[in-house]
Every structure is written in C-alpha cells, then in structure tokens.
Amino acid sequence: MFWAVLSALLFLATVRVVYVRLFRGPPRADFVLASDQGIQGRNRSGFARRHKGVNEMSNDSFIARIGKALRGGAASALPPAPAPAATPPVAVDYEDSRIPPSAKDRIRRILACLREVEIALDREDMPGFSRIDIDQMREQHLPKLVKSYIDIPESHRSEIFRKTGKSASFILNDSLEQMQSRIDSILRNLAQKDIDAFTNNIRFVDERYTSHNPFD
C-alpha cells in the first residue's frame, strides 16, 4: 500500500512538471535560481551592449548620410539669372520735315554735347552719372520726345495750345532746352574736375620749385 501511494505521488509530480513546462512557459522570475540569474544577467547585459552598438551604428549611419547629402548630394546652385534684354533704341529721323527748324538746331547741339560727355567719361567717371545715362538720353529720352511730337497729326496740334496755352513746337523746344541744361551741367562738372586738377598742379609746382631765398 505504501509503495502504491508513493508511486502515485511521484507520477503526479512528474505530470505537474511536464504540464508546467509545456503549457505555462518558463518559471517566473522569482523562482529562477541564483546561478540562472547570473547567466541571464550576463545575457541581458550583453544584449544591451549589442543593442546599443546597433543603435549607435544606425545613428552614425543616419548622420553620415545627412552629412553626405549636405556636402555632395545637395542640389547644385542655380545658374545666375540672365541679364535683362537691352531695350532697343527708338528710331527717329531728326531731319524730318515735321520737326520745326528751331527744334532741329537744338537736337543737333544736344547730340554734339552728348558726344563730348562720352569722351569726358572715357577719361574719368563722374559720381552720380554714367555712360548708361548718356545712352538713355541718346537712344530713349531724346528720340521718344521728338517722335511723340512728330506723331501728333498736324491738324490736331492746335488742341495742345487750347489745353496748355502753348503751342506744341514751343513745348518741344522747352523740353529740349531742359535736356540741354542738364547736359551743360554735366559738362561743367566734368570740366571743373579738370580745372581743379590743373590748379592743384600749379600750386604744387609753385610751392616745390619757387625759391624764396634771396641769396639763390
């Protein structure tokens, strides 16, 4: 009888162990032996180090890709925008018979003075004025002014007098005089620079070479 009970207890214990291992998984942490804890701790620490190394490699790889993109993979700089196309000169015949003779004389003088300004600017620039201004005067402003006068039908020019109290030819000459006045001012300023340079040289020579020693 005793042996039968003992055999039954051993059988039940064996069945319980098999059941736990098959259906309940590994024993809870609080039942792990100390030796197993040491092994698992080492395994966990080793896994953590490996996991940390993988993260660092991933981070380094990510940062490296960003650096590469910034250095070499970034979009190339856009080419400079093309310069705006130059405005073509306004074509006009300054000897057109519809232009008053007095205006023709003023136009000829303006064109001659513009050439003088160009020559002077070739020698020395003038602050606040450039060759672009000269080109605009010669190729745009002057021809537009004259062309706008020519384009007015002769039979309707009297309307300008009714509106302004001045004839169209008078207004044209007045506008030409204003342009001439501007050019004359530029020429005076350019000439003044030459006059000042000459005066300074005279003063230098006088101070450098004039002797004030009565025994010389």
C-alpha atoms as a PDB file:
ATOM      1  CA  MET A   1       0.000   0.000   0.000  1.00  0.00           C
ATOM      2  CA  PHE A   2       2.793   2.406   0.885  1.00  0.00           C
ATOM      3  CA  TRP A   3       4.587   1.813  -2.346  1.00  0.00           C
ATOM      4  CA  ALA A   4       1.450   2.313  -4.327  1.00  0.00           C
ATOM      5  CA  VAL A   5       0.808   5.723  -2.728  1.00  0.00           C
ATOM      6  CA  LEU A   6       4.453   6.752  -3.253  1.00  0.00           C
ATOM      7  CA  SER A   7       4.319   5.730  -6.903  1.00  0.00           C
ATOM      8  CA  ALA A   8       1.128   7.722  -7.366  1.00  0.00           C
ATOM      9  CA  LEU A   9       2.678  10.836  -5.779  1.00  0.00           C
ATOM     10  CA  LEU A  10       5.797  10.577  -7.971  1.00  0.00           C
ATOM     11  CA  PHE A  11       3.585  10.164 -11.049  1.00  0.00           C
ATOM     12  CA  LEU A  12       1.571  13.237 -10.132  1.00  0.00           C
ATOM     13  CA  ALA A  13       4.735  15.280  -9.537  1.00  0.00           C
ATOM     14  CA  THR A  14       6.109  14.241 -12.920  1.00  0.00           C
ATOM     15  CA  VAL A  15       2.852  15.125 -14.673  1.00  0.00           C
ATOM     16  CA  ARG A  16       2.840  18.541 -12.957  1.00  0.00           C
ATOM     17  CA  VAL A  17       6.398  19.344 -14.095  1.00  0.00           C
ATOM     18  CA  VAL A  18       5.636  18.339 -17.672  1.00  0.00           C
ATOM     19  CA  TYR A  19       2.412  20.378 -17.643  1.00  0.00           C
ATOM     20  CA  VAL A  20       4.201  23.475 -16.342  1.00  0.00           C
ATOM     21  CA  ARG A  21       6.979  23.249 -18.924  1.00  0.00           C
ATOM     22  CA  LEU A  22       4.644  22.587 -21.827  1.00  0.00           C
ATOM     23  CA  PHE A  23       1.782  24.966 -21.107  1.00  0.00           C
ATOM     24  CA  ARG A  24       2.940  27.644 -18.662  1.00  0.00           C
ATOM     25  CA  GLY A  25       6.313  28.516 -20.159  1.00  0.00           C
ATOM     26  CA  PRO A  26       9.470  29.176 -18.128  1.00  0.00           C
ATOM     27  CA  PRO A  27       9.184  29.618 -14.369  1.00  0.00           C
ATOM     28  CA  ARG A  28       8.560  33.104 -13.001  1.00  0.00           C
ATOM     29  CA  ALA A  29      11.493  35.367 -12.234  1.00  0.00           C
ATOM     30  CA  ASP A  30      11.073  34.922  -8.524  1.00  0.00           C
ATOM     31  CA  PHE A  31      11.655  31.148  -8.894  1.00  0.00           C
ATOM     32  CA  VAL A  32      14.829  31.475 -11.038  1.00  0.00           C
ATOM     33  CA  LEU A  33      17.920  30.126  -9.347  1.00  0.00           C
ATOM     34  CA  ALA A  34      20.763  32.394  -8.458  1.00  0.00           C
ATOM     35  CA  SER A  35      23.032  30.723 -10.971  1.00  0.00           C
ATOM     36  CA  ASP A  36      20.408  31.216 -13.694  1.00  0.00           C
ATOM     37  CA  GLN A  37      20.049  34.854 -12.644  1.00  0.00           C
ATOM     38  CA  GLY A  38      23.761  35.379 -13.198  1.00  0.00           C
ATOM     39  CA  ILE A  39      23.608  33.811 -16.644  1.00  0.00           C
ATOM     40  CA  GLN A  40      20.507  35.769 -17.606  1.00  0.00           C
ATOM     41  CA  GLY A  41      22.035  38.990 -16.276  1.00  0.00           C
ATOM     42  CA  ARG A  42      25.111  38.454 -18.379  1.00  0.00           C
ATOM     43  CA  ASN A  43      22.948  37.639 -21.376  1.00  0.00           C
ATOM     44  CA  ARG A  44      20.823  40.727 -20.838  1.00  0.00           C
ATOM     45  CA  SER A  45      23.848  42.987 -20.409  1.00  0.00           C
ATOM     46  CA  GLY A  46      25.462  41.520 -23.499  1.00  0.00           C
ATOM     47  CA  PHE A  47      22.237  42.015 -25.455  1.00  0.00           C
ATOM     48  CA  ALA A  48      22.009  45.593 -24.192  1.00  0.00           C
ATOM     49  CA  ARG A  49      25.557  46.294 -25.308  1.00  0.00           C
ATOM     50  CA  ARG A  50      24.895  44.754 -28.698  1.00  0.00           C
ATOM     51  CA  HIS A  51      21.611  46.671 -28.971  1.00  0.00           C
ATOM     52  CA  LYS A  52      23.370  49.907 -28.016  1.00  0.00           C
ATOM     53  CA  GLY A  53      26.056  49.260 -30.605  1.00  0.00           C
ATOM     54  CA  VAL A  54      23.442  48.679 -33.288  1.00  0.00           C
ATOM     55  CA  ASN A  55      21.685  51.926 -32.322  1.00  0.00           C
ATOM     56  CA  GLU A  56      24.956  53.837 -32.412  1.00  0.00           C
ATOM     57  CA  MET A  57      25.818  52.353 -35.795  1.00  0.00           C
ATOM     58  CA  SER A  58      22.352  53.245 -37.059  1.00  0.00           C
ATOM     59  CA  ASN A  59      22.667  56.805 -35.707  1.00  0.00           C
ATOM     60  CA  ASP A  60      26.159  57.152 -37.161  1.00  0.00           C
ATOM     61  CA  SER A  61      24.945  55.842 -40.492  1.00  0.00           C
ATOM     62  CA  PHE A  62      21.997  58.272 -40.448  1.00  0.00           C
ATOM     63  CA  ILE A  63      24.237  61.227 -39.554  1.00  0.00           C
ATOM     64  CA  ALA A  64      26.736  60.176 -42.208  1.00  0.00           C
ATOM     65  CA  ARG A  65      24.019  60.104 -44.832  1.00  0.00           C
ATOM     66  CA  ILE A  66      22.890  63.607 -43.838  1.00  0.00           C
ATOM     67  CA  GLY A  67      26.471  64.894 -43.963  1.00  0.00           C
ATOM     68  CA  LYS A  68      26.994  63.326 -47.362  1.00  0.00           C
ATOM     69  CA  ALA A  69      23.808  64.880 -48.647  1.00  0.00           C
ATOM     70  CA  LEU A  70      24.844  68.300 -47.370  1.00  0.00           C
ATOM     71  CA  ARG A  71      28.351  68.013 -48.849  1.00  0.00           C
ATOM     72  CA  GLY A  72      27.821  66.352 -52.150  1.00  0.00           C
ATOM     73  CA  GLY A  73      24.259  65.295 -52.566  1.00  0.00           C
ATOM     74  CA  ALA A  74      22.706  68.716 -52.110  1.00  0.00           C
ATOM     75  CA  ALA A  75      21.097  70.345 -55.099  1.00  0.00           C
ATOM     76  CA  SER A  76      23.578  72.259 -57.189  1.00  0.00           C
ATOM     77  CA  ALA A  77      23.410  76.029 -57.112  1.00  0.00           C
ATOM     78  CA  LEU A  78      21.077  77.531 -59.667  1.00  0.00           C
ATOM     79  CA  PRO A  79      22.771  79.331 -62.552  1.00  0.00           C
ATOM     80  CA  PRO A  80      22.639  83.134 -62.406  1.00  0.00           C
ATOM     81  CA  ALA A  81      19.588  84.693 -63.936  1.00  0.00           C
ATOM     82  CA  PRO A  82      20.211  86.031 -67.424  1.00  0.00           C
ATOM     83  CA  ALA A  83      20.616  89.761 -67.733  1.00  0.00           C
ATOM     84  CA  PRO A  84      17.506  91.552 -68.945  1.00  0.00           C
ATOM     85  CA  ALA A  85      17.474  92.187 -72.639  1.00  0.00           C
ATOM     86  CA  ALA A  86      18.622  95.651 -73.620  1.00  0.00           C
ATOM     87  CA  THR A  87      15.871  97.992 -74.759  1.00  0.00           C
ATOM     88  CA  PRO A  88      16.334  98.674 -78.462  1.00  0.00           C
ATOM     89  CA  PRO A  89      16.954 102.306 -79.407  1.00  0.00           C
ATOM     90  CA  VAL A  90      13.971 104.336 -80.566  1.00  0.00           C
ATOM     91  CA  ALA A  91      14.281 105.077 -84.281  1.00  0.00           C
ATOM     92  CA  VAL A  92      13.508 108.600 -85.410  1.00  0.00           C
ATOM     93  CA  ASP A  93      14.606 110.836 -88.234  1.00  0.00           C
ATOM     94  CA  TYR A  94      15.820 114.107 -86.734  1.00  0.00           C
ATOM     95  CA  GLU A  95      15.701 115.714 -90.178  1.00  0.00           C
ATOM     96  CA  ASP A  96      12.002 115.001 -90.581  1.00  0.00           C
ATOM     97  CA  SER A  97      10.242 117.947 -92.237  1.00  0.00           C
ATOM     98  CA  ARG A  98       7.593 117.961 -89.487  1.00  0.00           C
ATOM     99  CA  ILE A  99      10.207 118.976 -86.914  1.00  0.00           C
ATOM    100  CA  PRO A 100      10.488 122.789 -86.569  1.00  0.00           C
ATOM    101  CA  PRO A 101      13.873 124.211 -87.663  1.00  0.00           C
ATOM    102  CA  SER A 102      14.457 125.701 -84.201  1.00  0.00           C
ATOM    103  CA  ALA A 103      13.998 122.236 -82.660  1.00  0.00           C
ATOM    104  CA  LYS A 104      16.388 120.702 -85.196  1.00  0.00           C
ATOM    105  CA  ASP A 105      19.114 123.145 -84.136  1.00  0.00           C
ATOM    106  CA  ARG A 106      18.612 122.203 -80.500  1.00  0.00           C
ATOM    107  CA  ILE A 107      18.681 118.490 -81.311  1.00  0.00           C
ATOM    108  CA  ARG A 108      21.977 118.844 -83.204  1.00  0.00           C
ATOM    109  CA  ARG A 109      23.506 120.690 -80.261  1.00  0.00           C
ATOM    110  CA  ILE A 110      22.304 118.069 -77.793  1.00  0.00           C
ATOM    111  CA  LEU A 111      23.780 115.227 -79.855  1.00  0.00           C
ATOM    112  CA  ALA A 112      27.119 117.057 -80.142  1.00  0.00           C
ATOM    113  CA  CYS A 113      27.232 117.689 -76.379  1.00  0.00           C
ATOM    114  CA  LEU A 114      26.398 114.061 -75.664  1.00  0.00           C
ATOM    115  CA  ARG A 115      29.457 113.051 -77.656  1.00  0.00           C
ATOM    116  CA  GLU A 116      31.553 115.454 -75.582  1.00  0.00           C
ATOM    117  CA  VAL A 117      30.229 113.906 -72.383  1.00  0.00           C
ATOM    118  CA  GLU A 118      31.066 110.421 -73.656  1.00  0.00           C
ATOM    119  CA  ILE A 119      34.662 111.461 -74.377  1.00  0.00           C
ATOM    120  CA  ALA A 120      34.985 113.082 -70.957  1.00  0.00           C
ATOM    121  CA  LEU A 121      33.572 109.999 -69.207  1.00  0.00           C
ATOM    122  CA  ASP A 122      36.102 107.829 -71.024  1.00  0.00           C
ATOM    123  CA  ARG A 123      38.831 109.719 -69.178  1.00  0.00           C
ATOM    124  CA  GLU A 124      37.198 109.888 -65.769  1.00  0.00           C
ATOM    125  CA  ASP A 125      33.922 108.804 -64.225  1.00  0.00           C
ATOM    126  CA  MET A 126      31.585 111.330 -62.728  1.00  0.00           C
ATOM    127  CA  PRO A 127      29.842 110.500 -59.441  1.00  0.00           C
ATOM    128  CA  GLY A 128      26.086 110.218 -59.896  1.00  0.00           C
ATOM    129  CA  PHE A 129      26.342 109.880 -63.659  1.00  0.00           C
ATOM    130  CA  SER A 130      27.405 107.109 -66.037  1.00  0.00           C
ATOM    131  CA  ARG A 131      27.511 106.015 -69.640  1.00  0.00           C
ATOM    132  CA  ILE A 132      24.144 104.346 -69.102  1.00  0.00           C
ATOM    133  CA  ASP A 133      22.600 107.770 -68.522  1.00  0.00           C
ATOM    134  CA  ILE A 134      24.150 109.020 -71.756  1.00  0.00           C
ATOM    135  CA  ASP A 135      22.862 106.005 -73.672  1.00  0.00           C
ATOM    136  CA  GLN A 136      19.372 106.521 -72.278  1.00  0.00           C
ATOM    137  CA  MET A 137      19.401 110.189 -73.259  1.00  0.00           C
ATOM    138  CA  ARG A 138      20.595 109.459 -76.801  1.00  0.00           C
ATOM    139  CA  GLU A 139      18.689 106.214 -77.507  1.00  0.00           C
ATOM    140  CA  GLN A 140      15.478 106.650 -75.496  1.00  0.00           C
ATOM    141  CA  HIS A 141      14.653 110.036 -73.993  1.00  0.00           C
ATOM    142  CA  LEU A 142      15.562 112.332 -76.881  1.00  0.00           C
ATOM    143  CA  PRO A 143      14.107 110.238 -79.709  1.00  0.00           C
ATOM    144  CA  LYS A 144      10.917 109.497 -77.737  1.00  0.00           C
ATOM    145  CA  LEU A 145      10.384 113.205 -77.156  1.00  0.00           C
ATOM    146  CA  VAL A 146      10.856 114.072 -80.820  1.00  0.00           C
ATOM    147  CA  LYS A 147       8.834 111.116 -82.079  1.00  0.00           C
ATOM    148  CA  SER A 148       5.922 111.975 -79.788  1.00  0.00           C
ATOM    149  CA  TYR A 149       5.839 115.416 -81.425  1.00  0.00           C
ATOM    150  CA  ILE A 150       6.021 114.017 -84.940  1.00  0.00           C
ATOM    151  CA  ASP A 151       3.224 111.520 -84.286  1.00  0.00           C
ATOM    152  CA  ILE A 152       0.730 114.264 -83.441  1.00  0.00           C
ATOM    153  CA  PRO A 153      -1.349 114.934 -86.547  1.00  0.00           C
ATOM    154  CA  GLU A 154      -0.720 118.496 -87.675  1.00  0.00           C
ATOM    155  CA  SER A 155      -4.431 119.217 -87.787  1.00  0.00           C
ATOM    156  CA  HIS A 156      -4.723 118.387 -84.072  1.00  0.00           C
ATOM    157  CA  ARG A 157      -1.686 120.219 -82.702  1.00  0.00           C
ATOM    158  CA  SER A 158      -3.849 123.258 -82.003  1.00  0.00           C
ATOM    159  CA  GLU A 159      -5.579 121.210 -79.292  1.00  0.00           C
ATOM    160  CA  ILE A 160      -2.363 121.334 -77.264  1.00  0.00           C
ATOM    161  CA  PHE A 161      -2.488 125.111 -77.390  1.00  0.00           C
ATOM    162  CA  ARG A 162      -6.088 125.107 -76.173  1.00  0.00           C
ATOM    163  CA  LYS A 163      -5.178 122.827 -73.268  1.00  0.00           C
ATOM    164  CA  THR A 164      -1.868 124.403 -72.222  1.00  0.00           C
ATOM    165  CA  GLY A 165      -1.850 127.903 -73.709  1.00  0.00           C
ATOM    166  CA  LYS A 166       1.385 126.998 -75.518  1.00  0.00           C
ATOM    167  CA  SER A 167       1.976 125.632 -78.979  1.00  0.00           C
ATOM    168  CA  ALA A 168       3.303 122.099 -79.462  1.00  0.00           C
ATOM    169  CA  SER A 169       6.501 123.460 -81.054  1.00  0.00           C
ATOM    170  CA  PHE A 170       7.077 125.780 -78.086  1.00  0.00           C
ATOM    171  CA  ILE A 171       6.670 122.888 -75.635  1.00  0.00           C
ATOM    172  CA  LEU A 172       9.027 120.731 -77.727  1.00  0.00           C
ATOM    173  CA  ASN A 173      11.712 123.433 -77.703  1.00  0.00           C
ATOM    174  CA  ASP A 174      11.249 123.991 -73.980  1.00  0.00           C
ATOM    175  CA  SER A 175      11.729 120.275 -73.296  1.00  0.00           C
ATOM    176  CA  LEU A 176      14.836 120.220 -75.484  1.00  0.00           C
ATOM    177  CA  GLU A 177      16.220 123.188 -73.547  1.00  0.00           C
ATOM    178  CA  GLN A 178      15.710 121.329 -70.267  1.00  0.00           C
ATOM    179  CA  MET A 179      17.661 118.373 -71.605  1.00  0.00           C
ATOM    180  CA  GLN A 180      20.384 120.689 -72.878  1.00  0.00           C
ATOM    181  CA  SER A 181      20.586 122.380 -69.485  1.00  0.00           C
ATOM    182  CA  ARG A 182      21.183 119.004 -67.838  1.00  0.00           C
ATOM    183  CA  ILE A 183      23.939 118.138 -70.295  1.00  0.00           C
ATOM    184  CA  ASP A 184      25.588 121.553 -69.834  1.00  0.00           C
ATOM    185  CA  SER A 185      25.622 120.973 -66.077  1.00  0.00           C
ATOM    186  CA  ILE A 186      27.341 117.641 -66.543  1.00  0.00           C
ATOM    187  CA  LEU A 187      29.946 119.163 -68.841  1.00  0.00           C
ATOM    188  CA  ARG A 188      30.624 121.962 -66.330  1.00  0.00           C
ATOM    189  CA  ASN A 189      31.131 119.469 -63.526  1.00  0.00           C
ATOM    190  CA  LEU A 190      33.482 117.380 -65.631  1.00  0.00           C
ATOM    191  CA  ALA A 191      35.396 120.480 -66.683  1.00  0.00           C
ATOM    192  CA  GLN A 192      35.603 121.651 -63.066  1.00  0.00           C
ATOM    193  CA  LYS A 193      37.398 118.469 -62.103  1.00  0.00           C
ATOM    194  CA  ASP A 194      39.985 119.167 -64.800  1.00  0.00           C
ATOM    195  CA  ILE A 195      40.258 122.799 -63.664  1.00  0.00           C
ATOM    196  CA  ASP A 196      40.753 121.713 -60.049  1.00  0.00           C
ATOM    197  CA  ALA A 197      43.426 119.196 -61.065  1.00  0.00           C
ATOM    198  CA  PHE A 198      45.254 121.884 -63.063  1.00  0.00           C
ATOM    199  CA  THR A 199      45.017 124.373 -60.175  1.00  0.00           C
ATOM    200  CA  ASN A 200      46.419 121.829 -57.714  1.00  0.00           C
ATOM    201  CA  ASN A 201      49.341 121.075 -60.003  1.00  0.00           C
ATOM    202  CA  ILE A 202      50.104 124.779 -60.373  1.00  0.00           C
ATOM    203  CA  ARG A 203      50.077 125.189 -56.597  1.00  0.00           C
ATOM    204  CA  PHE A 204      52.360 122.183 -56.148  1.00  0.00           C
ATOM    205  CA  VAL A 205      54.868 123.423 -58.710  1.00  0.00           C
ATOM    206  CA  ASP A 206      54.832 126.905 -57.187  1.00  0.00           C
ATOM    207  CA  GLU A 207      55.481 125.542 -53.702  1.00  0.00           C
ATOM    208  CA  ARG A 208      58.031 122.981 -54.840  1.00  0.00           C
ATOM    209  CA  TYR A 209      60.147 124.965 -57.253  1.00  0.00           C
ATOM    210  CA  THR A 210      59.726 128.655 -56.361  1.00  0.00           C
ATOM    211  CA  SER A 211      62.671 129.791 -54.283  1.00  0.00           C
ATOM    212  CA  HIS A 212      62.198 132.336 -51.528  1.00  0.00           C
ATOM    213  CA  ASN A 213      65.898 132.521 -50.680  1.00  0.00           C
ATOM    214  CA  PRO A 214      67.237 135.968 -51.650  1.00  0.00           C
ATOM    215  CA  PHE A 215      70.796 134.502 -51.990  1.00  0.00           C
ATOM    216  CA  ASP A 216      69.850 131.992 -54.710  1.00  0.00           C
END
